[in-house]
Amino acid sequence: MNTVTTARKGPVEWITLDRPDRLNALDEPTRRSLLAALRRADEDPDVRCVVLTGSGRAFCVGQDLSARHELVDAGATVRDTYNPLVTAITGMDTPVIAAVNGLAVGAGMGLALVCDLVVAADTASFACAFGKVGLVPDTGVSSVLVRALGHIRAFELATTGRSLSAREVHGLGLINTVVPAEGLEAEAQARADALAAGPARAFALTKRVFRLAAQAPIAEVVAAEADGQGIAARSPEHAEGMAAFTEKRAPRFADARHP
């Protein structure tokens, strides 16, 4: 059974976790299929934005706990099949939007929060529930929560594992917007279309610098900014942007990407 499905909507690739009977829990075949789908999208020059979502009433509830053999050496499982997902999402030049349609628990919360933009249905909820089964946060959750909230609030969420509504998570500054559930797909598509219509090369460079800025010293960040600006200023997208500014019209950015 194919537990990850894809659909192309113009220049936007929708990737859907499709195990609704298991609340889109992640077993190894699903993790590997998701990684392959992300890599294919980033390598496709016709894809200018990716939307990641789930089917049914969950976005993703994290590790499939019925796959107990995957936790015999949990460190290897995380290193080999979870960490590459985080690396793919954060490292790909293509922007990734999480459309959180329902429960986002454990590694599912991590998958959502490592995306570049996060839109959530008003019926969605988030929980850092690793501790409830005696496990440690992974899939980027530690990094995102501590950097966004600081140690005290991040530690509270991790140790209580309490469920947060989408509006609570929005209030913490972890996601971009909350919309009525029936409008989630349209909101995600509109945001994806806006990114797809923009200067892909400049957006890719911006993503690289911002990811670096979250962890590197300022001297390293400003050096990366200068390098990125040098590339962007020589691009056809910049030339088009300047021409549009001079001619007082909307820019029509070329399909150039992957600086």
Foldseek 3Di string as FASTA:
>chain_A
DDQWDWDDDFLEIEIERRPQVQLSEDDQVSLVSVLVVLVVLLPDLSHQAYEQAYPDAFRYAYHPVVPVVCVVVVVCSCVPRQVSLLCSQLVRLRAYEYLTLAEQHQLSLLSHLSGPAYEYEQRHKYWNQQVVVPHDGDSCLVLLCCLQPNDPVSVVRNNVRDIGGPVRCVVSVRHDYYDHSVCRVVVVVVVSVVSSQAASALSSLVSVLVVCVSDDDPVVSVVSVVVSVVVVCPDPQVVQVVVCVVVVHDGRHDSDHDD
